[in-house]
């Protein structure tokens, strides 16, 4: 179950810290003899800065992704090549289609 949970959070660095903290709290709460401390698990990583896609890729890289996809490179290969998630590649392609007016 934990492996499946980690896989779901793999491309969500913004939530990975919260997942670790929550797992730690659950372990403490389930330990015998200790009273659990009531805390919210929704926003524990207030200082964590989410890395936006625009922070990681420049315009030339985005154009290269779009061009490679149009020439038949699968999304998963582009994701590996540029160190981003497959869903991020999809978002780049979606934004490109919206800007260019392509259907």
N, C-alpha and C. Protein backbone atom coordinates (compact mmCIF):
# COMPACT_ATOMS: atom_id res chain seq x y z
N UNK A 1 0.83 -1.19 0.00
CA UNK A 1 0.00 0.00 0.00
C UNK A 1 0.88 1.26 0.00
N UNK A 2 1.95 1.25 0.78
CA UNK A 2 2.82 2.42 0.85
C UNK A 2 3.50 2.67 -0.50
N UNK A 3 3.87 1.60 -1.21
CA UNK A 3 4.50 1.76 -2.52
C UNK A 3 3.54 2.42 -3.49
N UNK A 4 2.29 2.00 -3.48
CA UNK A 4 1.29 2.62 -4.34
C UNK A 4 1.07 4.08 -4.00
N UNK A 5 1.10 4.39 -2.73
CA UNK A 5 0.93 5.77 -2.28
C UNK A 5 2.10 6.63 -2.72
N UNK A 6 3.32 6.12 -2.57
CA UNK A 6 4.50 6.87 -2.99
C UNK A 6 4.51 7.07 -4.50
N UNK A 7 4.10 6.06 -5.25
CA UNK A 7 4.04 6.18 -6.70
C UNK A 7 3.07 7.29 -7.11
N UNK A 8 1.96 7.41 -6.41
CA UNK A 8 0.98 8.45 -6.72
C UNK A 8 1.53 9.85 -6.45
N UNK A 9 2.44 9.96 -5.49
CA UNK A 9 2.99 11.26 -5.12
C UNK A 9 4.34 11.55 -5.78
N UNK A 10 4.83 10.65 -6.61
CA UNK A 10 6.18 10.76 -7.15
C UNK A 10 6.42 12.08 -7.88
N UNK A 11 5.49 12.52 -8.69
CA UNK A 11 5.65 13.76 -9.43
C UNK A 11 5.05 14.96 -8.71
N UNK A 12 4.68 14.79 -7.47
CA UNK A 12 4.08 15.88 -6.71
C UNK A 12 4.98 16.24 -5.54
N UNK A 13 6.11 16.84 -5.85
CA UNK A 13 7.05 17.25 -4.81
C UNK A 13 6.44 18.19 -3.80
N UNK A 14 5.45 18.97 -4.25
CA UNK A 14 4.81 19.91 -3.33
C UNK A 14 4.04 19.19 -2.23
N UNK A 15 3.62 17.96 -2.49
CA UNK A 15 2.85 17.21 -1.49
C UNK A 15 3.67 16.12 -0.81
N UNK A 16 4.84 15.82 -1.35
CA UNK A 16 5.65 14.73 -0.81
C UNK A 16 6.07 14.99 0.63
N UNK A 17 6.42 16.22 0.95
CA UNK A 17 6.79 16.57 2.33
C UNK A 17 5.62 16.31 3.27
N UNK A 18 4.43 16.75 2.86
CA UNK A 18 3.24 16.53 3.69
C UNK A 18 2.97 15.05 3.89
N UNK A 19 3.20 14.24 2.84
CA UNK A 19 2.99 12.80 2.96
C UNK A 19 3.94 12.20 3.99
N UNK A 20 5.20 12.62 3.96
CA UNK A 20 6.17 12.13 4.93
C UNK A 20 5.79 12.50 6.35
N UNK A 21 5.38 13.75 6.55
CA UNK A 21 4.97 14.20 7.88
C UNK A 21 3.73 13.45 8.36
N UNK A 22 2.79 13.24 7.48
CA UNK A 22 1.57 12.53 7.84
C UNK A 22 1.87 11.09 8.22
N UNK A 23 2.75 10.44 7.45
CA UNK A 23 3.13 9.07 7.75
C UNK A 23 3.79 8.99 9.12
N UNK A 24 4.65 9.95 9.42
CA UNK A 24 5.31 9.99 10.73
C UNK A 24 4.28 10.17 11.85
N UNK A 25 3.33 11.07 11.65
CA UNK A 25 2.31 11.31 12.67
C UNK A 25 1.44 10.07 12.88
N UNK A 26 1.10 9.40 11.79
CA UNK A 26 0.30 8.18 11.92
C UNK A 26 1.06 7.11 12.69
N UNK A 27 2.35 6.99 12.42
CA UNK A 27 3.15 6.02 13.16
C UNK A 27 3.17 6.32 14.64
N UNK A 28 3.29 7.59 14.99
CA UNK A 28 3.29 7.98 16.41
C UNK A 28 1.91 7.75 17.03
N UNK A 29 0.86 8.04 16.28
CA UNK A 29 -0.51 7.88 16.81
C UNK A 29 -0.84 6.42 17.04
N UNK A 30 -0.29 5.55 16.23
CA UNK A 30 -0.59 4.12 16.36
C UNK A 30 0.33 3.42 17.36
N UNK A 31 1.36 4.13 17.85
CA UNK A 31 2.26 3.54 18.83
C UNK A 31 1.53 3.36 20.15
N UNK A 32 1.69 2.21 20.78
CA UNK A 32 0.98 1.97 22.05
C UNK A 32 1.51 2.87 23.17
N UNK A 33 0.59 3.37 23.98
CA UNK A 33 0.96 4.15 25.15
C UNK A 33 1.14 5.63 24.92
N UNK A 34 1.00 6.09 23.70
CA UNK A 34 1.16 7.52 23.44
C UNK A 34 -0.17 8.11 23.01
N UNK A 35 -0.46 9.29 23.53
CA UNK A 35 -1.68 9.99 23.13
C UNK A 35 -1.40 10.77 21.84
N UNK A 36 -2.25 10.61 20.81
CA UNK A 36 -2.01 11.33 19.55
C UNK A 36 -2.23 12.83 19.72
N UNK A 37 -1.43 13.61 19.02
CA UNK A 37 -1.56 15.06 19.02
C UNK A 37 -2.40 15.46 17.82
N UNK A 38 -3.43 16.25 18.07
CA UNK A 38 -4.31 16.69 16.98
C UNK A 38 -3.61 17.78 16.18
N UNK A 39 -3.39 17.53 14.89
CA UNK A 39 -2.78 18.52 13.99
C UNK A 39 -3.38 18.36 12.61
N UNK A 40 -3.42 19.44 11.90
CA UNK A 40 -3.88 19.39 10.52
C UNK A 40 -2.74 18.88 9.66
N UNK A 41 -3.08 18.06 8.68
CA UNK A 41 -2.06 17.55 7.78
C UNK A 41 -2.14 18.20 6.41
N UNK A 42 -3.00 19.18 6.25
CA UNK A 42 -3.18 19.76 4.93
C UNK A 42 -2.07 20.70 4.51
N UNK A 43 -1.53 21.49 5.41
CA UNK A 43 -0.52 22.46 5.03
C UNK A 43 0.60 22.53 6.05
N UNK A 44 1.35 21.49 6.17
CA UNK A 44 2.46 21.50 7.11
C UNK A 44 3.71 22.09 6.48
N UNK A 45 3.83 22.06 5.18
CA UNK A 45 5.03 22.52 4.50
C UNK A 45 4.85 23.95 4.01
N UNK A 46 4.58 24.86 4.92
CA UNK A 46 4.34 26.25 4.53
C UNK A 46 5.57 26.88 3.89
N UNK A 47 6.76 26.45 4.29
CA UNK A 47 7.97 27.04 3.72
C UNK A 47 8.39 26.36 2.43
N UNK A 48 7.76 25.25 2.08
CA UNK A 48 8.13 24.54 0.86
C UNK A 48 7.66 25.32 -0.36
N UNK A 49 8.56 25.57 -1.28
CA UNK A 49 8.23 26.32 -2.49
C UNK A 49 8.01 25.34 -3.63
N UNK A 50 6.84 25.36 -4.19
CA UNK A 50 6.53 24.47 -5.29
C UNK A 50 7.32 24.90 -6.52
N UNK A 51 7.99 23.94 -7.15
CA UNK A 51 8.75 24.25 -8.36
C UNK A 51 7.81 24.23 -9.54
N UNK A 52 7.68 25.36 -10.17
CA UNK A 52 6.82 25.45 -11.34
C UNK A 52 7.58 24.97 -12.57
N UNK A 53 6.85 24.53 -13.55
CA UNK A 53 7.43 24.05 -14.79
C UNK A 53 8.23 25.15 -15.47
N UNK A 54 7.76 26.39 -15.37
CA UNK A 54 8.46 27.52 -15.99
C UNK A 54 9.81 27.76 -15.34
N UNK A 55 9.98 27.33 -14.09
CA UNK A 55 11.26 27.48 -13.40
C UNK A 55 12.29 26.46 -13.90
N UNK A 56 11.80 25.37 -14.46
CA UNK A 56 12.69 24.28 -14.86
C UNK A 56 13.00 24.26 -16.34
N UNK A 57 12.11 24.78 -17.19
CA UNK A 57 12.29 24.73 -18.63
C UNK A 57 12.25 26.13 -19.23
N UNK A 58 13.14 26.38 -20.18
CA UNK A 58 13.09 27.67 -20.88
C UNK A 58 12.26 27.50 -22.17
N UNK A 59 12.05 28.59 -22.88
CA UNK A 59 11.22 28.56 -24.09
C UNK A 59 11.78 27.64 -25.16
N UNK A 60 13.11 27.58 -25.28
CA UNK A 60 13.72 26.70 -26.28
C UNK A 60 13.45 25.24 -25.97
N UNK A 61 13.51 24.87 -24.69
CA UNK A 61 13.23 23.50 -24.30
C UNK A 61 11.77 23.13 -24.55
N UNK A 62 10.86 24.06 -24.27
CA UNK A 62 9.44 23.81 -24.51
C UNK A 62 9.20 23.60 -26.00
N UNK A 63 9.81 24.43 -26.84
CA UNK A 63 9.67 24.26 -28.29
C UNK A 63 10.25 22.93 -28.75
N UNK A 64 11.38 22.53 -28.15
CA UNK A 64 11.98 21.25 -28.50
C UNK A 64 11.07 20.09 -28.13
N UNK A 65 10.39 20.19 -27.00
CA UNK A 65 9.45 19.15 -26.58
C UNK A 65 8.30 19.05 -27.57
N UNK A 66 7.74 20.19 -27.92
CA UNK A 66 6.61 20.21 -28.87
C UNK A 66 7.04 19.63 -30.21
N UNK A 67 8.19 20.06 -30.69
CA UNK A 67 8.69 19.60 -31.99
C UNK A 67 8.96 18.10 -31.97
N UNK A 68 9.61 17.62 -30.91
CA UNK A 68 9.90 16.18 -30.83
C UNK A 68 8.62 15.37 -30.76
N UNK A 69 7.62 15.85 -30.03
CA UNK A 69 6.34 15.14 -29.96
C UNK A 69 5.66 15.09 -31.32
N UNK A 70 5.71 16.21 -32.04
CA UNK A 70 5.10 16.25 -33.37
C UNK A 70 5.81 15.32 -34.35
N UNK A 71 7.07 15.01 -34.07
CA UNK A 71 7.82 14.09 -34.93
C UNK A 71 7.78 12.65 -34.42
N UNK A 72 6.93 12.39 -33.44
CA UNK A 72 6.68 11.01 -33.03
C UNK A 72 7.33 10.52 -31.74
N UNK A 73 8.03 11.37 -31.02
CA UNK A 73 8.63 10.94 -29.76
C UNK A 73 7.54 10.79 -28.70
N UNK A 74 7.47 9.64 -28.03
CA UNK A 74 6.44 9.44 -27.00
C UNK A 74 6.63 10.38 -25.81
N UNK A 75 5.53 10.66 -25.14
CA UNK A 75 5.56 11.56 -23.99
C UNK A 75 6.49 11.06 -22.89
N UNK A 76 6.49 9.76 -22.64
CA UNK A 76 7.31 9.23 -21.56
C UNK A 76 8.79 9.44 -21.83
N UNK A 77 9.21 9.35 -23.11
CA UNK A 77 10.61 9.59 -23.44
C UNK A 77 10.98 11.06 -23.25
N UNK A 78 10.06 11.95 -23.62
CA UNK A 78 10.30 13.38 -23.42
C UNK A 78 10.40 13.70 -21.93
N UNK A 79 9.55 13.07 -21.14
CA UNK A 79 9.58 13.29 -19.70
C UNK A 79 10.93 12.87 -19.12
N UNK A 80 11.44 11.72 -19.52
CA UNK A 80 12.74 11.25 -19.04
C UNK A 80 13.86 12.17 -19.51
N UNK A 81 13.80 12.57 -20.77
CA UNK A 81 14.86 13.40 -21.35
C UNK A 81 14.99 14.75 -20.64
N UNK A 82 13.84 15.35 -20.27
CA UNK A 82 13.86 16.69 -19.68
C UNK A 82 13.69 16.68 -18.16
N UNK A 83 13.59 15.51 -17.57
CA UNK A 83 13.50 15.42 -16.11
C UNK A 83 12.21 15.95 -15.54
N UNK A 84 11.12 15.76 -16.26
CA UNK A 84 9.80 16.20 -15.80
C UNK A 84 8.84 15.02 -15.86
N UNK A 85 7.64 15.20 -15.36
CA UNK A 85 6.65 14.14 -15.38
C UNK A 85 5.92 14.06 -16.71
N UNK A 86 5.35 12.90 -16.97
CA UNK A 86 4.59 12.70 -18.20
C UNK A 86 3.40 13.66 -18.26
N UNK A 87 2.78 13.90 -17.11
CA UNK A 87 1.65 14.84 -17.07
C UNK A 87 2.12 16.26 -17.39
N UNK A 88 3.35 16.60 -17.00
CA UNK A 88 3.88 17.92 -17.33
C UNK A 88 4.07 18.07 -18.83
N UNK A 89 4.53 17.01 -19.47
CA UNK A 89 4.67 17.04 -20.93
C UNK A 89 3.29 17.26 -21.55
N UNK A 90 2.29 16.57 -21.03
CA UNK A 90 0.93 16.76 -21.53
C UNK A 90 0.43 18.18 -21.36
N UNK A 91 0.76 18.80 -20.23
CA UNK A 91 0.35 20.19 -20.02
C UNK A 91 1.05 21.13 -21.00
N UNK A 92 2.32 20.88 -21.27
CA UNK A 92 3.04 21.70 -22.24
C UNK A 92 2.39 21.59 -23.61
N UNK A 93 2.07 20.37 -24.01
CA UNK A 93 1.44 20.16 -25.33
C UNK A 93 0.06 20.79 -25.38
N UNK A 94 -0.69 20.68 -24.29
CA UNK A 94 -2.03 21.28 -24.24
C UNK A 94 -1.95 22.79 -24.38
N UNK A 95 -1.01 23.42 -23.63
CA UNK A 95 -0.85 24.87 -23.72
C UNK A 95 -0.43 25.30 -25.12
N UNK A 96 0.43 24.51 -25.74
CA UNK A 96 0.87 24.83 -27.10
C UNK A 96 -0.32 24.79 -28.07
N UNK A 97 -1.15 23.77 -27.92
CA UNK A 97 -2.33 23.66 -28.80
C UNK A 97 -3.30 24.81 -28.58
N UNK A 98 -3.44 25.24 -27.31
CA UNK A 98 -4.33 26.37 -27.02
C UNK A 98 -3.82 27.65 -27.66
N UNK A 99 -2.50 27.88 -27.58
CA UNK A 99 -1.91 29.10 -28.16
C UNK A 99 -1.94 29.10 -29.67
N UNK A 100 -1.69 27.94 -30.25
CA UNK A 100 -1.60 27.88 -31.72
C UNK A 100 -2.98 27.74 -32.36
N UNK A 101 -3.98 27.40 -31.57
CA UNK A 101 -5.32 27.25 -32.12
C UNK A 101 -5.53 25.91 -32.82
N UNK A 102 -4.57 25.01 -32.66
CA UNK A 102 -4.70 23.68 -33.27
C UNK A 102 -5.71 22.86 -32.48
N UNK A 103 -6.45 22.01 -33.15
CA UNK A 103 -7.47 21.21 -32.48
C UNK A 103 -6.97 19.89 -32.07
